[in-house]
Amino acid sequence: MSPIGHFGSFWGVFGPFWVILGCFWGNFGVFWVISPIITDTQYLRWLFPRHMKSNLYRLCYTAIGQGVSICNYWNDPHHRDLYLNSSDFLAPLNDERLHPNASAWKQNLLRIRNLVLIGGPDDGVITPWQSSLFGFYDANETVQDMRSQQVYLADTFGLKTLDGRGALWGCVVPGVGHTGWHNHRGVYERCIRPWLT
C-alpha cells in the first residue's frame, strides 16, 4: 500500500518519510527482461509470459482482475481510458480519478516534512523503474519524469507543493535487485542515513 493517502491519516505531522520501491504509477512491462540480476523472482517468467504485456489489461481492467494484486498496479499506457475507469486502487490513490477522499489524502501527504523516494534501474520488477520516483511511460512507452506528469503539474495530491518547498527527494541506487533493497548497505548510506539527523 502506498503511503500517499493512508499512513498520514493516522499519524500527526511526521518526517522524514522514506519510500523504497513505491510503485507509484504502477507497472507496465515484462520485468525479467529489464534486469537479469533478479534470480529469486524468476518464477514470474512462468506466471507472466512475454506476450502477456500487451494483453494483461484484458484481465486487470475487470472486476475479477481488480482482486489480483498485480492488477491493482497495472497501468497500461496504451489503454488509459480503461485504466482510469477500472482501476479501483491506483487511479484513485494517485488522484487520477475523482473520489471522496482526495482532499483528506492531499492534506495527509502534505504533513510529511520530507518525502524520500528510493529506486533504481536494476530493480528488475517495477517497470518502468522510474515509477518509484513518480515517473512513467507516455503512450509511446517513453519514460516521462515526475515533473512532466499531469497530476504533478496540476498538483492534484501535493507532489508539486512538496517539491516546491524542498521536501521531495529522489534517491537512485543502481545495482540493487528487487529483493535486495531492504538490506543493502549502500541504500541505507545514500538514501536513509542522511535524513536521520
C-alpha atoms as a PDB file:
ATOM      1  CA  MET A   1       0.000   0.000   0.000  1.00  0.00           C
ATOM      2  CA  SER A   2       1.280   3.422  -0.894  1.00  0.00           C
ATOM      3  CA  PRO A   3       1.744   5.983   1.883  1.00  0.00           C
ATOM      4  CA  ILE A   4       0.189   8.831  -0.002  1.00  0.00           C
ATOM      5  CA  GLY A   5      -3.286   8.760   1.428  1.00  0.00           C
ATOM      6  CA  HIS A   6      -3.175   6.185   4.119  1.00  0.00           C
ATOM      7  CA  PHE A   7      -0.257   6.459   6.537  1.00  0.00           C
ATOM      8  CA  GLY A   8      -0.809  10.163   7.100  1.00  0.00           C
ATOM      9  CA  SER A   9      -4.414   9.580   8.063  1.00  0.00           C
ATOM     10  CA  PHE A  10      -3.456   8.200  11.452  1.00  0.00           C
ATOM     11  CA  TRP A  11      -0.138   9.950  12.088  1.00  0.00           C
ATOM     12  CA  GLY A  12       0.370  13.577  13.000  1.00  0.00           C
ATOM     13  CA  VAL A  13       2.998  15.725  11.352  1.00  0.00           C
ATOM     14  CA  PHE A  14       5.887  13.463  10.575  1.00  0.00           C
ATOM     15  CA  GLY A  15       9.045  13.303   8.625  1.00  0.00           C
ATOM     16  CA  PRO A  16      11.177  12.303   7.010  1.00  0.00           C
ATOM     17  CA  PHE A  17       9.288   9.541   5.259  1.00  0.00           C
ATOM     18  CA  TRP A  18      11.152   7.050   3.071  1.00  0.00           C
ATOM     19  CA  VAL A  19       9.538   5.001   0.340  1.00  0.00           C
ATOM     20  CA  ILE A  20      11.668   2.214  -1.047  1.00  0.00           C
ATOM     21  CA  LEU A  21      10.321   0.989  -4.379  1.00  0.00           C
ATOM     22  CA  GLY A  22       6.953   2.652  -4.239  1.00  0.00           C
ATOM     23  CA  CYS A  23       5.228   1.570  -7.420  1.00  0.00           C
ATOM     24  CA  PHE A  24       3.510   4.939  -7.660  1.00  0.00           C
ATOM     25  CA  TRP A  25       2.417   4.998 -11.284  1.00  0.00           C
ATOM     26  CA  GLY A  26       2.139   1.267 -11.415  1.00  0.00           C
ATOM     27  CA  ASN A  27       3.730  -1.411 -13.520  1.00  0.00           C
ATOM     28  CA  PHE A  28       3.715  -1.980 -17.244  1.00  0.00           C
ATOM     29  CA  GLY A  29       6.230  -4.370 -18.612  1.00  0.00           C
ATOM     30  CA  VAL A  30       7.963  -7.660 -18.722  1.00  0.00           C
ATOM     31  CA  PHE A  31      10.043  -7.176 -15.624  1.00  0.00           C
ATOM     32  CA  TRP A  32      12.518 -10.021 -16.131  1.00  0.00           C
ATOM     33  CA  VAL A  33      13.672  -8.580 -19.455  1.00  0.00           C
ATOM     34  CA  ILE A  34      14.704  -5.338 -17.751  1.00  0.00           C
ATOM     35  CA  SER A  35      17.269  -6.873 -15.413  1.00  0.00           C
ATOM     36  CA  PRO A  36      18.842 -10.313 -15.261  1.00  0.00           C
ATOM     37  CA  ILE A  37      20.076  -9.520 -11.721  1.00  0.00           C
ATOM     38  CA  ILE A  38      16.884 -10.878 -10.181  1.00  0.00           C
ATOM     39  CA  THR A  39      17.186 -14.584  -9.600  1.00  0.00           C
ATOM     40  CA  ASP A  40      14.743 -15.125  -6.747  1.00  0.00           C
ATOM     41  CA  THR A  41      11.814 -13.721  -8.719  1.00  0.00           C
ATOM     42  CA  GLN A  42      12.329 -15.835 -11.835  1.00  0.00           C
ATOM     43  CA  TYR A  43       9.073 -17.681 -11.108  1.00  0.00           C
ATOM     44  CA  LEU A  44       7.385 -14.606 -12.542  1.00  0.00           C
ATOM     45  CA  ARG A  45       8.549 -15.721 -16.003  1.00  0.00           C
ATOM     46  CA  TRP A  46       6.274 -18.711 -15.688  1.00  0.00           C
ATOM     47  CA  LEU A  47       3.335 -16.741 -14.316  1.00  0.00           C
ATOM     48  CA  PHE A  48       3.553 -13.893 -16.823  1.00  0.00           C
ATOM     49  CA  PRO A  49       4.950 -14.915 -20.208  1.00  0.00           C
ATOM     50  CA  ARG A  50       6.249 -12.203 -22.520  1.00  0.00           C
ATOM     51  CA  HIS A  51       3.097 -11.950 -24.619  1.00  0.00           C
ATOM     52  CA  MET A  52       1.130 -11.017 -21.520  1.00  0.00           C
ATOM     53  CA  LYS A  53       2.416  -7.420 -21.506  1.00  0.00           C
ATOM     54  CA  SER A  54       0.151  -6.400 -24.366  1.00  0.00           C
ATOM     55  CA  ASN A  55      -2.854  -8.374 -23.150  1.00  0.00           C
ATOM     56  CA  LEU A  56      -2.821  -8.252 -19.350  1.00  0.00           C
ATOM     57  CA  TYR A  57      -5.111  -5.221 -19.372  1.00  0.00           C
ATOM     58  CA  ARG A  58      -7.922  -7.543 -20.548  1.00  0.00           C
ATOM     59  CA  LEU A  59      -7.823  -9.247 -17.153  1.00  0.00           C
ATOM     60  CA  CYS A  60      -6.655  -6.370 -14.979  1.00  0.00           C
ATOM     61  CA  TYR A  61      -9.328  -3.912 -16.017  1.00  0.00           C
ATOM     62  CA  THR A  62     -12.190  -6.178 -14.968  1.00  0.00           C
ATOM     63  CA  ALA A  63     -13.882  -6.660 -11.600  1.00  0.00           C
ATOM     64  CA  ILE A  64     -12.151 -10.030 -11.212  1.00  0.00           C
ATOM     65  CA  GLY A  65      -8.766  -8.585 -12.176  1.00  0.00           C
ATOM     66  CA  GLN A  66      -9.026  -5.820  -9.606  1.00  0.00           C
ATOM     67  CA  GLY A  67      -8.962  -8.563  -6.971  1.00  0.00           C
ATOM     68  CA  VAL A  68      -5.480  -9.667  -8.127  1.00  0.00           C
ATOM     69  CA  SER A  69      -2.537  -7.773  -6.617  1.00  0.00           C
ATOM     70  CA  ILE A  70      -0.539  -7.240  -9.833  1.00  0.00           C
ATOM     71  CA  CYS A  71      -3.677  -5.822 -11.456  1.00  0.00           C
ATOM     72  CA  ASN A  72      -4.003  -3.216  -8.720  1.00  0.00           C
ATOM     73  CA  TYR A  73      -0.744  -1.778 -10.035  1.00  0.00           C
ATOM     74  CA  TRP A  74      -1.186  -2.462 -13.761  1.00  0.00           C
ATOM     75  CA  ASN A  75      -1.096   0.811 -15.689  1.00  0.00           C
ATOM     76  CA  ASP A  76      -1.198   0.236 -19.437  1.00  0.00           C
ATOM     77  CA  PRO A  77      -0.245   3.473 -21.243  1.00  0.00           C
ATOM     78  CA  HIS A  78      -1.996   2.192 -24.381  1.00  0.00           C
ATOM     79  CA  HIS A  79      -5.326   1.785 -22.581  1.00  0.00           C
ATOM     80  CA  ARG A  80      -5.527   4.881 -20.371  1.00  0.00           C
ATOM     81  CA  ASP A  81      -9.321   5.139 -20.500  1.00  0.00           C
ATOM     82  CA  LEU A  82      -9.732   1.579 -19.258  1.00  0.00           C
ATOM     83  CA  TYR A  83      -7.151   2.162 -16.539  1.00  0.00           C
ATOM     84  CA  LEU A  84      -8.764   5.382 -15.352  1.00  0.00           C
ATOM     85  CA  ASN A  85     -12.259   3.900 -15.325  1.00  0.00           C
ATOM     86  CA  SER A  86     -11.424   0.439 -13.991  1.00  0.00           C
ATOM     87  CA  SER A  87      -8.583   0.832 -11.511  1.00  0.00           C
ATOM     88  CA  ASP A  88     -10.062   0.559  -8.028  1.00  0.00           C
ATOM     89  CA  PHE A  89      -6.739   1.182  -6.285  1.00  0.00           C
ATOM     90  CA  LEU A  90      -4.037   3.044  -8.159  1.00  0.00           C
ATOM     91  CA  ALA A  91      -6.061   5.601 -10.144  1.00  0.00           C
ATOM     92  CA  PRO A  92      -7.972   6.881  -7.085  1.00  0.00           C
ATOM     93  CA  LEU A  93      -4.851   6.758  -4.901  1.00  0.00           C
ATOM     94  CA  ASN A  94      -2.948   8.921  -7.378  1.00  0.00           C
ATOM     95  CA  ASP A  95      -5.932  11.238  -7.724  1.00  0.00           C
ATOM     96  CA  GLU A  96      -6.293  10.431 -11.409  1.00  0.00           C
ATOM     97  CA  ARG A  97      -9.991   9.810 -10.857  1.00  0.00           C
ATOM     98  CA  LEU A  98     -12.381  11.739  -8.635  1.00  0.00           C
ATOM     99  CA  HIS A  99     -13.048  10.205  -5.238  1.00  0.00           C
ATOM    100  CA  PRO A 100     -14.371  11.467  -1.895  1.00  0.00           C
ATOM    101  CA  ASN A 101     -11.057  11.153  -0.018  1.00  0.00           C
ATOM    102  CA  ALA A 102      -8.965  13.311  -2.370  1.00  0.00           C
ATOM    103  CA  SER A 103      -8.803  16.400  -0.174  1.00  0.00           C
ATOM    104  CA  ALA A 104      -8.025  14.493   3.035  1.00  0.00           C
ATOM    105  CA  TRP A 105      -5.349  12.383   1.295  1.00  0.00           C
ATOM    106  CA  LYS A 106      -3.664  15.517  -0.055  1.00  0.00           C
ATOM    107  CA  GLN A 107      -3.669  17.123   3.385  1.00  0.00           C
ATOM    108  CA  ASN A 108      -2.145  13.963   4.845  1.00  0.00           C
ATOM    109  CA  LEU A 109       0.639  13.850   2.264  1.00  0.00           C
ATOM    110  CA  LEU A 110       1.469  17.499   2.879  1.00  0.00           C
ATOM    111  CA  ARG A 111       2.071  16.756   6.566  1.00  0.00           C
ATOM    112  CA  ILE A 112       5.243  14.923   5.605  1.00  0.00           C
ATOM    113  CA  ARG A 113       8.301  17.074   6.261  1.00  0.00           C
ATOM    114  CA  ASN A 114      10.431  15.260   3.675  1.00  0.00           C
ATOM    115  CA  LEU A 115       9.435  12.521   1.277  1.00  0.00           C
ATOM    116  CA  VAL A 116      12.405  10.457   0.064  1.00  0.00           C
ATOM    117  CA  LEU A 117      11.638   8.226  -2.929  1.00  0.00           C
ATOM    118  CA  ILE A 118      14.101   5.391  -3.441  1.00  0.00           C
ATOM    119  CA  GLY A 119      14.540   3.222  -6.537  1.00  0.00           C
ATOM    120  CA  GLY A 120      16.985   2.177  -9.207  1.00  0.00           C
ATOM    121  CA  PRO A 121      17.462   0.924 -12.751  1.00  0.00           C
ATOM    122  CA  ASP A 122      18.397  -2.625 -11.761  1.00  0.00           C
ATOM    123  CA  ASP A 123      15.325  -3.373  -9.648  1.00  0.00           C
ATOM    124  CA  GLY A 124      14.063  -5.800 -12.286  1.00  0.00           C
ATOM    125  CA  VAL A 125      10.423  -5.936 -11.179  1.00  0.00           C
ATOM    126  CA  ILE A 126       8.981  -2.416 -11.088  1.00  0.00           C
ATOM    127  CA  THR A 127       8.612  -1.413 -14.729  1.00  0.00           C
ATOM    128  CA  PRO A 128       9.499   1.232 -15.537  1.00  0.00           C
ATOM    129  CA  TRP A 129      11.758   1.531 -12.520  1.00  0.00           C
ATOM    130  CA  GLN A 130      11.155   5.306 -12.584  1.00  0.00           C
ATOM    131  CA  SER A 131       7.670   4.585 -11.225  1.00  0.00           C
ATOM    132  CA  SER A 132       9.472   4.509  -7.858  1.00  0.00           C
ATOM    133  CA  LEU A 133      10.155   8.212  -8.429  1.00  0.00           C
ATOM    134  CA  PHE A 134       6.703   9.035  -9.861  1.00  0.00           C
ATOM    135  CA  GLY A 135       7.915   8.736 -13.459  1.00  0.00           C
ATOM    136  CA  PHE A 136       6.026   6.657 -16.013  1.00  0.00           C
ATOM    137  CA  TYR A 137       5.565   5.830 -19.677  1.00  0.00           C
ATOM    138  CA  ASP A 138       3.750   8.035 -22.129  1.00  0.00           C
ATOM    139  CA  ALA A 139       1.709   6.470 -24.970  1.00  0.00           C
ATOM    140  CA  ASN A 140       4.955   5.787 -26.884  1.00  0.00           C
ATOM    141  CA  GLU A 141       6.479   3.958 -23.892  1.00  0.00           C
ATOM    142  CA  THR A 142       8.976   6.744 -23.350  1.00  0.00           C
ATOM    143  CA  VAL A 143       9.512   7.407 -19.661  1.00  0.00           C
ATOM    144  CA  GLN A 144       8.397  10.867 -18.571  1.00  0.00           C
ATOM    145  CA  ASP A 145       9.738  12.067 -15.242  1.00  0.00           C
ATOM    146  CA  MET A 146       7.570  13.142 -12.327  1.00  0.00           C
ATOM    147  CA  ARG A 147       7.617  16.832 -13.242  1.00  0.00           C
ATOM    148  CA  SER A 148       6.058  16.003 -16.630  1.00  0.00           C
ATOM    149  CA  GLN A 149       3.112  14.090 -15.160  1.00  0.00           C
ATOM    150  CA  GLN A 150      -0.289  15.784 -15.256  1.00  0.00           C
ATOM    151  CA  VAL A 151      -1.013  15.128 -11.574  1.00  0.00           C
ATOM    152  CA  TYR A 152       2.266  16.862 -10.692  1.00  0.00           C
ATOM    153  CA  LEU A 153       1.567  19.835 -12.961  1.00  0.00           C
ATOM    154  CA  ALA A 154      -1.954  20.211 -11.540  1.00  0.00           C
ATOM    155  CA  ASP A 155      -0.715  19.409  -8.015  1.00  0.00           C
ATOM    156  CA  THR A 156      -3.735  17.182  -7.517  1.00  0.00           C
ATOM    157  CA  PHE A 157      -2.398  15.426  -4.427  1.00  0.00           C
ATOM    158  CA  GLY A 158       0.501  17.617  -3.351  1.00  0.00           C
ATOM    159  CA  LEU A 159       3.635  16.436  -5.173  1.00  0.00           C
ATOM    160  CA  LYS A 160       4.301  19.849  -6.672  1.00  0.00           C
ATOM    161  CA  THR A 161       3.723  21.532  -3.316  1.00  0.00           C
ATOM    162  CA  LEU A 162       6.167  19.177  -1.581  1.00  0.00           C
ATOM    163  CA  ASP A 163       8.693  19.716  -4.364  1.00  0.00           C
ATOM    164  CA  GLY A 164       8.235  23.480  -4.227  1.00  0.00           C
ATOM    165  CA  ARG A 165       9.030  23.623  -0.532  1.00  0.00           C
ATOM    166  CA  GLY A 166      12.109  21.408  -0.992  1.00  0.00           C
ATOM    167  CA  ALA A 167      10.524  18.413   0.727  1.00  0.00           C
ATOM    168  CA  LEU A 168      10.533  15.893  -2.149  1.00  0.00           C
ATOM    169  CA  TRP A 169      13.691  13.918  -2.854  1.00  0.00           C
ATOM    170  CA  GLY A 170      14.629  11.131  -5.221  1.00  0.00           C
ATOM    171  CA  CYS A 171      17.456   8.732  -4.456  1.00  0.00           C
ATOM    172  CA  VAL A 172      18.580   6.444  -7.274  1.00  0.00           C
ATOM    173  CA  VAL A 173      20.790   3.478  -6.431  1.00  0.00           C
ATOM    174  CA  PRO A 174      21.946   1.262  -9.323  1.00  0.00           C
ATOM    175  CA  GLY A 175      22.927  -2.366  -8.894  1.00  0.00           C
ATOM    176  CA  VAL A 176      20.203  -3.378  -6.437  1.00  0.00           C
ATOM    177  CA  GLY A 177      17.713  -6.115  -7.346  1.00  0.00           C
ATOM    178  CA  HIS A 178      14.102  -6.054  -6.224  1.00  0.00           C
ATOM    179  CA  THR A 179      14.526  -8.233  -3.167  1.00  0.00           C
ATOM    180  CA  GLY A 180      17.789  -6.613  -2.069  1.00  0.00           C
ATOM    181  CA  TRP A 181      16.671  -3.105  -1.152  1.00  0.00           C
ATOM    182  CA  HIS A 182      15.811  -3.722   2.485  1.00  0.00           C
ATOM    183  CA  ASN A 183      19.281  -4.924   3.455  1.00  0.00           C
ATOM    184  CA  HIS A 184      21.578  -3.089   1.039  1.00  0.00           C
ATOM    185  CA  ARG A 185      24.138  -1.018   2.938  1.00  0.00           C
ATOM    186  CA  GLY A 186      24.537   1.465   0.069  1.00  0.00           C
ATOM    187  CA  VAL A 187      20.808   2.211   0.091  1.00  0.00           C
ATOM    188  CA  TYR A 188      20.987   2.945   3.787  1.00  0.00           C
ATOM    189  CA  GLU A 189      24.106   5.115   3.500  1.00  0.00           C
ATOM    190  CA  ARG A 190      22.937   7.120   0.461  1.00  0.00           C
ATOM    191  CA  CYS A 191      19.194   7.353   0.921  1.00  0.00           C
ATOM    192  CA  ILE A 192      18.278   6.866   4.571  1.00  0.00           C
ATOM    193  CA  ARG A 193      21.131   7.813   6.885  1.00  0.00           C
ATOM    194  CA  PRO A 194      21.438  11.443   5.669  1.00  0.00           C
ATOM    195  CA  TRP A 195      17.832  12.043   6.719  1.00  0.00           C
ATOM    196  CA  LEU A 196      18.223  10.673  10.238  1.00  0.00           C
ATOM    197  CA  THR A 197      19.839  13.848  11.589  1.00  0.00           C
END
